[in-house]
Amino acid sequence: MQRFKNVLFYYRGAADRSALAQAARLASKNQARLTVVEVLEDLPRALGVAPGPPADLAISLTKERQSRLRESLAAAMEDCLQAKITVLAGTPFLEITREALREGHDLVMMTAEGPLGLKKVLFGSTSMHLMRKCPCAIWVMRPGPRRRSKRILAAVAPDPFNQQKDALNTTIMELASLLAEREQAELHVVLVRDGASGNRLNRRSDTTAGRRHEWHRRVREHHKTALFELLDAYKKDTPGRVHLVKGRARTLIPKLAAKQEIDLVVTGTTCRAGAPGFFMRNTAESILQQVECSVLTVRPDGFVTPVA
């Protein structure tokens, strides 16, 4: 992949070594910078009760952790020896977001918190906070030994009437296609057509069956045309499977990911109107809490983080 050139990996211990090795290979292959970050959550509290000047203790503890982290990287993979080591103190998602802003990182990588991957442990976690607030792409990997992705799912929602949203779908397809090519994986693409508006139309007593049928046909054709126009640029490079389904995305996408044994979901984040920044919609949050595979989320252009 040529897109990411400044990668940050959030390291929490030996259990992250497999994911760290993957981040190192990605950075090495693309001649990208790799920064490995550890966050000391208890340091601010320790400084308040420790004897002596707080600044001296902070410097001493930071140097000690940097040295230990360097040793861990050497044991993980030789490519990691070229990584920059950074030890921060505070709340992980805030410090990582601030580091990404300071250093211009375009990708944050980490393992999911918990033995089951993302399922049931993501809400309120560092992963979810980063996906909501960090200005760059976030790649949350399932825990455990590294394995090649055999199936990748791009979740898109093309909309020719929304330039920002349409550009985001192009980014999703670009990344999913590049990853599928690199991993020699099967690429799946899903577009979920929301049936809520159609259901409201069906309940109207002044609408004939013929008009309802024609409306549904036009909506289906509109989505189908928009989807295949999006896919045209990627058909030659990476053959895949296309899923055009009707219903609720928060239900259907996790079910599809489980049924097709997807290893990585690539999706985008959108904004709520009136918010002081971009946040993930409830639908996206629900999807991410249900899947057990790795997830890569990307931002729309113009994202503004609420983190100062």
C-alpha atoms as a PDB file:
ATOM      1  CA  MET A   1       0.000   0.000   0.000  1.00  0.00           C
ATOM      2  CA  GLN A   2       1.349   3.394  -0.933  1.00  0.00           C
ATOM      3  CA  ARG A   3      -1.232   5.500   0.882  1.00  0.00           C
ATOM      4  CA  PHE A   4       0.204   5.446   4.418  1.00  0.00           C
ATOM      5  CA  LYS A   5       3.559   7.116   4.976  1.00  0.00           C
ATOM      6  CA  ASN A   6       3.573   7.977   8.694  1.00  0.00           C
ATOM      7  CA  VAL A   7       2.331   5.128  10.871  1.00  0.00           C
ATOM      8  CA  LEU A   8       1.755   5.171  14.632  1.00  0.00           C
ATOM      9  CA  PHE A   9       1.450   1.880  16.520  1.00  0.00           C
ATOM     10  CA  TYR A  10      -0.067   1.876  20.021  1.00  0.00           C
ATOM     11  CA  TYR A  11       1.850  -0.734  22.023  1.00  0.00           C
ATOM     12  CA  ARG A  12       0.510  -2.170  25.289  1.00  0.00           C
ATOM     13  CA  GLY A  13       2.666  -5.232  25.894  1.00  0.00           C
ATOM     14  CA  ALA A  14       3.925  -8.581  24.617  1.00  0.00           C
ATOM     15  CA  ALA A  15       0.451  -9.573  23.362  1.00  0.00           C
ATOM     16  CA  ASP A  16       0.789  -6.828  20.710  1.00  0.00           C
ATOM     17  CA  ARG A  17       3.970  -8.215  19.138  1.00  0.00           C
ATOM     18  CA  SER A  18       2.250  -9.966  16.234  1.00  0.00           C
ATOM     19  CA  ALA A  19       0.323  -6.816  15.302  1.00  0.00           C
ATOM     20  CA  LEU A  20       3.465  -4.728  15.758  1.00  0.00           C
ATOM     21  CA  ALA A  21       5.327  -6.986  13.324  1.00  0.00           C
ATOM     22  CA  GLN A  22       2.526  -6.383  10.799  1.00  0.00           C
ATOM     23  CA  ALA A  23       2.831  -2.615  11.282  1.00  0.00           C
ATOM     24  CA  ALA A  24       6.613  -2.855  10.827  1.00  0.00           C
ATOM     25  CA  ARG A  25       6.244  -4.792   7.583  1.00  0.00           C
ATOM     26  CA  LEU A  26       3.709  -2.289   6.280  1.00  0.00           C
ATOM     27  CA  ALA A  27       6.012   0.619   7.097  1.00  0.00           C
ATOM     28  CA  SER A  28       9.098  -1.100   5.656  1.00  0.00           C
ATOM     29  CA  LYS A  29       7.378  -2.054   2.404  1.00  0.00           C
ATOM     30  CA  ASN A  30       6.160   1.488   1.841  1.00  0.00           C
ATOM     31  CA  GLN A  31       9.256   3.299   3.125  1.00  0.00           C
ATOM     32  CA  ALA A  32       7.017   4.880   5.736  1.00  0.00           C
ATOM     33  CA  ARG A  33       7.960   6.222   9.130  1.00  0.00           C
ATOM     34  CA  LEU A  34       6.938   4.027  12.058  1.00  0.00           C
ATOM     35  CA  THR A  35       6.428   5.393  15.552  1.00  0.00           C
ATOM     36  CA  VAL A  36       5.707   3.031  18.442  1.00  0.00           C
ATOM     37  CA  VAL A  37       3.860   4.710  21.299  1.00  0.00           C
ATOM     38  CA  GLU A  38       3.316   3.519  24.848  1.00  0.00           C
ATOM     39  CA  VAL A  39       1.030   5.489  27.169  1.00  0.00           C
ATOM     40  CA  LEU A  40       1.586   5.555  30.927  1.00  0.00           C
ATOM     41  CA  GLU A  41      -1.905   5.953  32.360  1.00  0.00           C
ATOM     42  CA  ASP A  42      -0.880   5.973  36.041  1.00  0.00           C
ATOM     43  CA  LEU A  43       2.048   8.390  35.799  1.00  0.00           C
ATOM     44  CA  PRO A  44       0.073  11.633  36.393  1.00  0.00           C
ATOM     45  CA  ARG A  45      -1.341  10.222  39.653  1.00  0.00           C
ATOM     46  CA  ALA A  46       2.053   8.879  40.737  1.00  0.00           C
ATOM     47  CA  LEU A  47       3.636  12.296  40.316  1.00  0.00           C
ATOM     48  CA  GLY A  48       1.215  13.771  42.867  1.00  0.00           C
ATOM     49  CA  VAL A  49       2.358  11.526  45.732  1.00  0.00           C
ATOM     50  CA  ALA A  50       6.003  10.820  44.863  1.00  0.00           C
ATOM     51  CA  PRO A  51       8.842  12.420  46.866  1.00  0.00           C
ATOM     52  CA  GLY A  52      11.158  14.824  45.077  1.00  0.00           C
ATOM     53  CA  PRO A  53      10.519  17.037  42.025  1.00  0.00           C
ATOM     54  CA  PRO A  54       7.765  15.559  39.800  1.00  0.00           C
ATOM     55  CA  ALA A  55       9.674  16.464  36.646  1.00  0.00           C
ATOM     56  CA  ASP A  56      12.671  14.328  37.704  1.00  0.00           C
ATOM     57  CA  LEU A  57      10.463  11.313  38.352  1.00  0.00           C
ATOM     58  CA  ALA A  58       8.647  11.737  35.051  1.00  0.00           C
ATOM     59  CA  ILE A  59      11.926  11.900  33.116  1.00  0.00           C
ATOM     60  CA  SER A  60      13.324   8.868  34.945  1.00  0.00           C
ATOM     61  CA  LEU A  61      10.227   6.716  34.392  1.00  0.00           C
ATOM     62  CA  THR A  62       9.937   7.756  30.742  1.00  0.00           C
ATOM     63  CA  LYS A  63      13.552   6.833  30.008  1.00  0.00           C
ATOM     64  CA  GLU A  64      13.161   3.496  31.772  1.00  0.00           C
ATOM     65  CA  ARG A  65      10.032   2.629  29.761  1.00  0.00           C
ATOM     66  CA  GLN A  66      11.659   3.755  26.517  1.00  0.00           C
ATOM     67  CA  SER A  67      14.571   1.404  27.168  1.00  0.00           C
ATOM     68  CA  ARG A  68      12.261  -1.512  27.970  1.00  0.00           C
ATOM     69  CA  LEU A  69      10.134  -0.766  24.917  1.00  0.00           C
ATOM     70  CA  ARG A  70      13.206  -0.750  22.674  1.00  0.00           C
ATOM     71  CA  GLU A  71      14.133  -4.209  23.994  1.00  0.00           C
ATOM     72  CA  SER A  72      10.613  -5.443  23.299  1.00  0.00           C
ATOM     73  CA  LEU A  73      10.771  -4.141  19.741  1.00  0.00           C
ATOM     74  CA  ALA A  74      14.075  -5.921  19.131  1.00  0.00           C
ATOM     75  CA  ALA A  75      12.455  -9.169  20.253  1.00  0.00           C
ATOM     76  CA  ALA A  76       9.382  -8.574  18.081  1.00  0.00           C
ATOM     77  CA  MET A  77      11.013  -8.006  14.702  1.00  0.00           C
ATOM     78  CA  GLU A  78      14.227  -6.592  13.292  1.00  0.00           C
ATOM     79  CA  ASP A  79      12.328  -4.051  11.158  1.00  0.00           C
ATOM     80  CA  CYS A  80      11.052  -2.459  14.375  1.00  0.00           C
ATOM     81  CA  LEU A  81      14.579  -1.400  15.319  1.00  0.00           C
ATOM     82  CA  GLN A  82      14.226   1.551  12.949  1.00  0.00           C
ATOM     83  CA  ALA A  83      11.060   2.734  14.660  1.00  0.00           C
ATOM     84  CA  LYS A  84      10.858   5.908  16.683  1.00  0.00           C
ATOM     85  CA  ILE A  85      10.028   5.248  20.335  1.00  0.00           C
ATOM     86  CA  THR A  86       7.662   7.598  22.182  1.00  0.00           C
ATOM     87  CA  VAL A  87       6.386   7.253  25.749  1.00  0.00           C
ATOM     88  CA  LEU A  88       3.442   9.475  26.688  1.00  0.00           C
ATOM     89  CA  ALA A  89       1.522   9.965  29.922  1.00  0.00           C
ATOM     90  CA  GLY A  90      -2.217  10.402  30.347  1.00  0.00           C
ATOM     91  CA  THR A  91      -5.420   9.011  28.837  1.00  0.00           C
ATOM     92  CA  PRO A  92      -4.465   6.805  25.858  1.00  0.00           C
ATOM     93  CA  PHE A  93      -6.962   8.017  23.246  1.00  0.00           C
ATOM     94  CA  LEU A  94      -6.306  11.680  24.069  1.00  0.00           C
ATOM     95  CA  GLU A  95      -2.523  11.342  24.008  1.00  0.00           C
ATOM     96  CA  ILE A  96      -2.531   9.262  20.805  1.00  0.00           C
ATOM     97  CA  THR A  97      -4.837  11.751  19.082  1.00  0.00           C
ATOM     98  CA  ARG A  98      -2.613  14.649  20.145  1.00  0.00           C
ATOM     99  CA  GLU A  99       0.480  12.780  18.964  1.00  0.00           C
ATOM    100  CA  ALA A 100      -1.180  12.146  15.590  1.00  0.00           C
ATOM    101  CA  LEU A 101      -1.942  15.866  15.297  1.00  0.00           C
ATOM    102  CA  ARG A 102       1.595  16.930  16.294  1.00  0.00           C
ATOM    103  CA  GLU A 103       3.432  14.497  14.034  1.00  0.00           C
ATOM    104  CA  GLY A 104       1.004  14.296  11.105  1.00  0.00           C
ATOM    105  CA  HIS A 105       0.367  10.549  11.306  1.00  0.00           C
ATOM    106  CA  ASP A 106      -1.926   9.180   8.597  1.00  0.00           C
ATOM    107  CA  LEU A 107      -2.576   5.783  10.224  1.00  0.00           C
ATOM    108  CA  VAL A 108      -2.917   4.517  13.798  1.00  0.00           C
ATOM    109  CA  MET A 109      -2.641   0.755  14.305  1.00  0.00           C
ATOM    110  CA  MET A 110      -3.433  -1.226  17.455  1.00  0.00           C
ATOM    111  CA  THR A 111      -4.885  -4.516  18.641  1.00  0.00           C
ATOM    112  CA  ALA A 112      -8.440  -4.699  19.928  1.00  0.00           C
ATOM    113  CA  GLU A 113      -8.923  -4.737  23.686  1.00  0.00           C
ATOM    114  CA  GLY A 114     -10.115  -8.141  24.865  1.00  0.00           C
ATOM    115  CA  PRO A 115      -9.742 -11.787  23.816  1.00  0.00           C
ATOM    116  CA  LEU A 116     -12.735 -11.770  21.449  1.00  0.00           C
ATOM    117  CA  GLY A 117     -11.420  -9.022  19.208  1.00  0.00           C
ATOM    118  CA  LEU A 118     -13.753  -6.088  18.708  1.00  0.00           C
ATOM    119  CA  LYS A 119     -16.982  -7.810  19.717  1.00  0.00           C
ATOM    120  CA  LYS A 120     -18.520  -6.682  23.007  1.00  0.00           C
ATOM    121  CA  VAL A 121     -15.401  -4.824  24.195  1.00  0.00           C
ATOM    122  CA  LEU A 122     -15.094  -1.927  21.778  1.00  0.00           C
ATOM    123  CA  PHE A 123     -17.695   0.511  23.075  1.00  0.00           C
ATOM    124  CA  GLY A 124     -16.094   3.094  25.332  1.00  0.00           C
ATOM    125  CA  SER A 125     -12.641   1.633  24.738  1.00  0.00           C
ATOM    126  CA  THR A 126      -9.539   3.327  23.387  1.00  0.00           C
ATOM    127  CA  SER A 127     -10.374   1.805  19.981  1.00  0.00           C
ATOM    128  CA  MET A 128     -13.804   3.397  19.812  1.00  0.00           C
ATOM    129  CA  HIS A 129     -12.608   6.756  21.094  1.00  0.00           C
ATOM    130  CA  LEU A 130      -9.881   6.848  18.441  1.00  0.00           C
ATOM    131  CA  MET A 131     -12.324   5.889  15.697  1.00  0.00           C
ATOM    132  CA  ARG A 132     -14.558   8.759  16.781  1.00  0.00           C
ATOM    133  CA  LYS A 133     -11.986  11.470  17.433  1.00  0.00           C
ATOM    134  CA  CYS A 134      -8.550  10.767  15.924  1.00  0.00           C
ATOM    135  CA  PRO A 135      -7.992  12.688  12.657  1.00  0.00           C
ATOM    136  CA  CYS A 136      -6.382   9.806  10.708  1.00  0.00           C
ATOM    137  CA  ALA A 137      -7.309   6.292   9.628  1.00  0.00           C
ATOM    138  CA  ILE A 138      -7.588   3.714  12.431  1.00  0.00           C
ATOM    139  CA  TRP A 139      -6.717   0.037  11.954  1.00  0.00           C
ATOM    140  CA  VAL A 140      -7.819  -2.163  14.869  1.00  0.00           C
ATOM    141  CA  MET A 141      -6.533  -5.720  14.515  1.00  0.00           C
ATOM    142  CA  ARG A 142      -7.865  -8.838  16.132  1.00  0.00           C
ATOM    143  CA  PRO A 143      -5.576 -10.220  18.872  1.00  0.00           C
ATOM    144  CA  GLY A 144      -3.504 -13.346  18.348  1.00  0.00           C
ATOM    145  CA  PRO A 145      -0.964 -14.595  15.809  1.00  0.00           C
ATOM    146  CA  ARG A 146      -0.788 -12.741  12.520  1.00  0.00           C
ATOM    147  CA  ARG A 147      -2.485 -14.470   9.614  1.00  0.00           C
ATOM    148  CA  ARG A 148      -3.009 -13.475   6.018  1.00  0.00           C
ATOM    149  CA  SER A 149      -6.357 -11.840   5.229  1.00  0.00           C
ATOM    150  CA  LYS A 150      -8.223 -14.197   2.907  1.00  0.00           C
ATOM    151  CA  ARG A 151     -11.390 -12.108   2.564  1.00  0.00           C
ATOM    152  CA  ILE A 152     -11.745  -8.318   2.804  1.00  0.00           C
ATOM    153  CA  LEU A 153     -15.081  -6.496   2.928  1.00  0.00           C
ATOM    154  CA  ALA A 154     -15.489  -2.897   1.736  1.00  0.00           C
ATOM    155  CA  ALA A 155     -18.669  -1.357   3.175  1.00  0.00           C
ATOM    156  CA  VAL A 156     -19.718   1.514   0.902  1.00  0.00           C
ATOM    157  CA  ALA A 157     -22.696   3.811   0.392  1.00  0.00           C
ATOM    158  CA  PRO A 158     -22.210   5.707  -2.898  1.00  0.00           C
ATOM    159  CA  ASP A 159     -24.222   8.908  -3.158  1.00  0.00           C
ATOM    160  CA  PRO A 160     -23.813  11.042  -6.316  1.00  0.00           C
ATOM    161  CA  PHE A 161     -25.630  13.900  -4.565  1.00  0.00           C
ATOM    162  CA  ASN A 162     -23.137  14.093  -1.657  1.00  0.00           C
ATOM    163  CA  GLN A 163     -19.598  14.934  -2.807  1.00  0.00           C
ATOM    164  CA  GLN A 164     -17.947  14.333   0.549  1.00  0.00           C
ATOM    165  CA  LYS A 165     -19.629  10.980   1.056  1.00  0.00           C
ATOM    166  CA  ASP A 166     -18.869   9.911  -2.504  1.00  0.00           C
ATOM    167  CA  ALA A 167     -15.173  10.766  -2.059  1.00  0.00           C
ATOM    168  CA  LEU A 168     -15.118   8.699   1.131  1.00  0.00           C
ATOM    169  CA  ASN A 169     -16.463   5.681  -0.750  1.00  0.00           C
ATOM    170  CA  THR A 170     -13.679   6.053  -3.314  1.00  0.00           C
ATOM    171  CA  THR A 171     -11.119   6.024  -0.498  1.00  0.00           C
ATOM    172  CA  ILE A 172     -12.687   2.895   1.007  1.00  0.00           C
ATOM    173  CA  MET A 173     -12.536   1.102  -2.342  1.00  0.00           C
ATOM    174  CA  GLU A 174      -8.980   2.248  -2.990  1.00  0.00           C
ATOM    175  CA  LEU A 175      -7.721   0.888   0.336  1.00  0.00           C
ATOM    176  CA  ALA A 176      -9.721  -2.342   0.198  1.00  0.00           C
ATOM    177  CA  SER A 177      -8.537  -3.042  -3.348  1.00  0.00           C
ATOM    178  CA  LEU A 178      -4.891  -2.363  -2.533  1.00  0.00           C
ATOM    179  CA  LEU A 179      -5.049  -4.574   0.548  1.00  0.00           C
ATOM    180  CA  ALA A 180      -6.791  -7.369  -1.351  1.00  0.00           C
ATOM    181  CA  GLU A 181      -4.129  -7.206  -4.050  1.00  0.00           C
ATOM    182  CA  ARG A 182      -1.275  -7.242  -1.543  1.00  0.00           C
ATOM    183  CA  GLU A 183      -2.764 -10.080   0.506  1.00  0.00           C
ATOM    184  CA  GLN A 184      -4.058 -11.991  -2.544  1.00  0.00           C
ATOM    185  CA  ALA A 185      -7.415 -11.862  -0.793  1.00  0.00           C
ATOM    186  CA  GLU A 186     -10.956 -12.121  -2.115  1.00  0.00           C
ATOM    187  CA  LEU A 187     -12.554  -8.677  -2.170  1.00  0.00           C
ATOM    188  CA  HIS A 188     -16.186  -8.348  -1.130  1.00  0.00           C
ATOM    189  CA  VAL A 189     -18.151  -5.108  -1.502  1.00  0.00           C
ATOM    190  CA  VAL A 190     -21.432  -4.455   0.285  1.00  0.00           C
ATOM    191  CA  LEU A 191     -24.021  -1.717  -0.122  1.00  0.00           C
ATOM    192  CA  VAL A 192     -26.975  -1.874   2.251  1.00  0.00           C
ATOM    193  CA  ARG A 193     -30.089  -0.180   0.921  1.00  0.00           C
ATOM    194  CA  ASP A 194     -32.110   1.209   3.826  1.00  0.00           C
ATOM    195  CA  GLY A 195     -35.689  -0.005   3.617  1.00  0.00           C
ATOM    196  CA  ALA A 196     -37.120   2.430   6.182  1.00  0.00           C
ATOM    197  CA  SER A 197     -38.331   5.022   3.679  1.00  0.00           C
ATOM    198  CA  GLY A 198     -39.905   2.296   1.557  1.00  0.00           C
ATOM    199  CA  ASN A 199     -41.749   0.936   4.560  1.00  0.00           C
ATOM    200  CA  ARG A 200     -43.169   4.375   5.273  1.00  0.00           C
ATOM    201  CA  LEU A 201     -44.344   4.607   1.674  1.00  0.00           C
ATOM    202  CA  ASN A 202     -45.995   1.186   1.925  1.00  0.00           C
ATOM    203  CA  ARG A 203     -48.024   2.337   4.938  1.00  0.00           C
ATOM    204  CA  ARG A 204     -49.531   5.327   3.113  1.00  0.00           C
ATOM    205  CA  SER A 205     -53.143   4.655   2.174  1.00  0.00           C
ATOM    206  CA  ASP A 206     -53.084   7.110  -0.754  1.00  0.00           C
ATOM    207  CA  THR A 207     -50.320   5.201  -2.603  1.00  0.00           C
ATOM    208  CA  THR A 208     -51.331   2.508  -5.057  1.00  0.00           C
ATOM    209  CA  ALA A 209     -49.541  -0.823  -5.294  1.00  0.00           C
ATOM    210  CA  GLY A 210     -48.330   0.097  -8.775  1.00  0.00           C
ATOM    211  CA  ARG A 211     -46.772   3.358  -7.620  1.00  0.00           C
ATOM    212  CA  ARG A 212     -45.085   1.619  -4.693  1.00  0.00           C
ATOM    213  CA  HIS A 213     -43.673  -1.047  -7.006  1.00  0.00           C
ATOM    214  CA  GLU A 214     -42.333   1.570  -9.437  1.00  0.00           C
ATOM    215  CA  TRP A 215     -40.785   3.610  -6.617  1.00  0.00           C
ATOM    216  CA  HIS A 216     -38.986   0.543  -5.207  1.00  0.00           C
ATOM    217  CA  ARG A 217     -37.764  -0.391  -8.684  1.00  0.00           C
ATOM    218  CA  ARG A 218     -36.325   3.080  -9.285  1.00  0.00           C
ATOM    219  CA  VAL A 219     -34.604   3.190  -5.889  1.00  0.00           C
ATOM    220  CA  ARG A 220     -33.090  -0.256  -6.444  1.00  0.00           C
ATOM    221  CA  GLU A 221     -31.821   0.721  -9.892  1.00  0.00           C
ATOM    222  CA  HIS A 222     -30.428   4.008  -8.542  1.00  0.00           C
ATOM    223  CA  HIS A 223     -28.385   2.197  -5.878  1.00  0.00           C
ATOM    224  CA  LYS A 224     -27.281  -0.497  -8.307  1.00  0.00           C
ATOM    225  CA  THR A 225     -26.097   2.061 -10.873  1.00  0.00           C
ATOM    226  CA  ALA A 226     -24.224   4.129  -8.272  1.00  0.00           C
ATOM    227  CA  LEU A 227     -22.540   1.020  -6.873  1.00  0.00           C
ATOM    228  CA  PHE A 228     -21.339  -0.334 -10.194  1.00  0.00           C
ATOM    229  CA  GLU A 229     -20.112   3.078 -11.304  1.00  0.00           C
ATOM    230  CA  LEU A 230     -17.991   3.098  -8.141  1.00  0.00           C
ATOM    231  CA  LEU A 231     -16.705  -0.425  -8.827  1.00  0.00           C
ATOM    232  CA  ASP A 232     -15.804   0.146 -12.483  1.00  0.00           C
ATOM    233  CA  ALA A 233     -12.339   1.464 -11.636  1.00  0.00           C
ATOM    234  CA  TYR A 234     -11.445  -1.633  -9.596  1.00  0.00           C
ATOM    235  CA  LYS A 235     -12.826  -4.567 -11.569  1.00  0.00           C
ATOM    236  CA  LYS A 236      -9.686  -5.175 -13.620  1.00  0.00           C
ATOM    237  CA  ASP A 237      -7.313  -5.221 -10.685  1.00  0.00           C
ATOM    238  CA  THR A 238      -9.146  -7.224  -8.036  1.00  0.00           C
ATOM    239  CA  PRO A 239     -12.044  -9.537  -8.852  1.00  0.00           C
ATOM    240  CA  GLY A 240     -14.524  -9.819  -6.017  1.00  0.00           C
ATOM    241  CA  ARG A 241     -18.062 -10.416  -4.875  1.00  0.00           C
ATOM    242  CA  VAL A 242     -20.729  -7.723  -4.699  1.00  0.00           C
ATOM    243  CA  HIS A 243     -23.563  -7.747  -2.156  1.00  0.00           C
ATOM    244  CA  LEU A 244     -26.479  -5.350  -2.696  1.00  0.00           C
ATOM    245  CA  VAL A 245     -28.907  -5.946   0.147  1.00  0.00           C
ATOM    246  CA  LYS A 246     -31.899  -4.202   1.662  1.00  0.00           C
ATOM    247  CA  GLY A 247     -32.432  -3.688   5.357  1.00  0.00           C
ATOM    248  CA  ARG A 248     -30.565  -2.243   8.318  1.00  0.00           C
ATOM    249  CA  ALA A 249     -26.809  -1.915   7.911  1.00  0.00           C
ATOM    250  CA  ARG A 250     -26.175  -2.378  11.631  1.00  0.00           C
ATOM    251  CA  THR A 251     -27.730  -5.847  11.375  1.00  0.00           C
ATOM    252  CA  LEU A 252     -26.844  -7.014   7.878  1.00  0.00           C
ATOM    253  CA  ILE A 253     -23.149  -6.077   7.670  1.00  0.00           C
ATOM    254  CA  PRO A 254     -22.085  -8.020  10.814  1.00  0.00           C
ATOM    255  CA  LYS A 255     -24.122 -11.012   9.616  1.00  0.00           C
ATOM    256  CA  LEU A 256     -22.525 -10.824   6.175  1.00  0.00           C
ATOM    257  CA  ALA A 257     -19.035 -10.540   7.696  1.00  0.00           C
ATOM    258  CA  ALA A 258     -19.656 -13.646   9.808  1.00  0.00           C
ATOM    259  CA  LYS A 259     -21.249 -15.653   6.990  1.00  0.00           C
ATOM    260  CA  GLN A 260     -18.473 -14.867   4.498  1.00  0.00           C
ATOM    261  CA  GLU A 261     -15.733 -15.326   7.129  1.00  0.00           C
ATOM    262  CA  ILE A 262     -14.380 -11.836   6.513  1.00  0.00           C
ATOM    263  CA  ASP A 263     -10.942 -11.078   7.984  1.00  0.00           C
ATOM    264  CA  LEU A 264     -10.980  -7.287   7.550  1.00  0.00           C
ATOM    265  CA  VAL A 265     -13.790  -4.752   7.171  1.00  0.00           C
ATOM    266  CA  VAL A 266     -12.872  -1.430   5.548  1.00  0.00           C
ATOM    267  CA  THR A 267     -15.437   1.279   6.215  1.00  0.00           C
ATOM    268  CA  GLY A 268     -15.769   5.031   6.698  1.00  0.00           C
ATOM    269  CA  THR A 269     -16.892   7.385   9.417  1.00  0.00           C
ATOM    270  CA  THR A 270     -19.417  10.133   8.859  1.00  0.00           C
ATOM    271  CA  CYS A 271     -20.629  13.137  10.829  1.00  0.00           C
ATOM    272  CA  ARG A 272     -23.677  14.217  12.729  1.00  0.00           C
ATOM    273  CA  ALA A 273     -25.070  17.582  11.711  1.00  0.00           C
ATOM    274  CA  GLY A 274     -24.356  20.285  14.248  1.00  0.00           C
ATOM    275  CA  ALA A 275     -21.602  18.411  16.070  1.00  0.00           C
ATOM    276  CA  PRO A 276     -18.321  20.276  16.807  1.00  0.00           C
ATOM    277  CA  GLY A 277     -16.441  17.668  14.766  1.00  0.00           C
ATOM    278  CA  PHE A 278     -17.078  14.361  13.066  1.00  0.00           C
ATOM    279  CA  PHE A 279     -18.402  11.424  15.051  1.00  0.00           C
ATOM    280  CA  MET A 280     -19.393   7.939  14.058  1.00  0.00           C
ATOM    281  CA  ARG A 281     -23.082   7.371  13.532  1.00  0.00           C
ATOM    282  CA  ASN A 282     -24.892   4.909  15.794  1.00  0.00           C
ATOM    283  CA  THR A 283     -25.138   2.505  12.857  1.00  0.00           C
ATOM    284  CA  ALA A 284     -21.370   2.383  12.425  1.00  0.00           C
ATOM    285  CA  GLU A 285     -20.827   2.000  16.155  1.00  0.00           C
ATOM    286  CA  SER A 286     -23.262  -0.901  16.239  1.00  0.00           C
ATOM    287  CA  ILE A 287     -21.517  -2.643  13.341  1.00  0.00           C
ATOM    288  CA  LEU A 288     -18.104  -2.287  14.945  1.00  0.00           C
ATOM    289  CA  GLN A 289     -19.326  -3.703  18.232  1.00  0.00           C
ATOM    290  CA  GLN A 290     -20.682  -6.847  16.571  1.00  0.00           C
ATOM    291  CA  VAL A 291     -17.899  -7.960  14.224  1.00  0.00           C
ATOM    292  CA  GLU A 292     -15.046 -10.179  15.395  1.00  0.00           C
ATOM    293  CA  CYS A 293     -12.656  -9.413  12.533  1.00  0.00           C
ATOM    294  CA  SER A 294     -10.159  -6.585  12.104  1.00  0.00           C
ATOM    295  CA  VAL A 295     -11.533  -3.174  11.123  1.00  0.00           C
ATOM    296  CA  LEU A 296      -9.967  -0.291   9.186  1.00  0.00           C
ATOM    297  CA  THR A 297     -11.880   3.005   9.335  1.00  0.00           C
ATOM    298  CA  VAL A 298     -11.111   6.046   7.188  1.00  0.00           C
ATOM    299  CA  ARG A 299     -12.109   9.685   7.464  1.00  0.00           C
ATOM    300  CA  PRO A 300     -13.959  12.012   5.100  1.00  0.00           C
ATOM    301  CA  ASP A 301     -12.067  15.057   3.864  1.00  0.00           C
ATOM    302  CA  GLY A 302     -12.395  18.019   6.151  1.00  0.00           C
ATOM    303  CA  PHE A 303     -12.542  16.058   9.400  1.00  0.00           C
ATOM    304  CA  VAL A 304     -11.969  18.244  12.469  1.00  0.00           C
ATOM    305  CA  THR A 305     -11.153  16.470  15.721  1.00  0.00           C
ATOM    306  CA  PRO A 306     -12.799  17.750  18.919  1.00  0.00           C
ATOM    307  CA  VAL A 307      -9.609  16.941  20.842  1.00  0.00           C
ATOM    308  CA  ALA A 308      -7.608  20.051  21.707  1.00  0.00           C
END
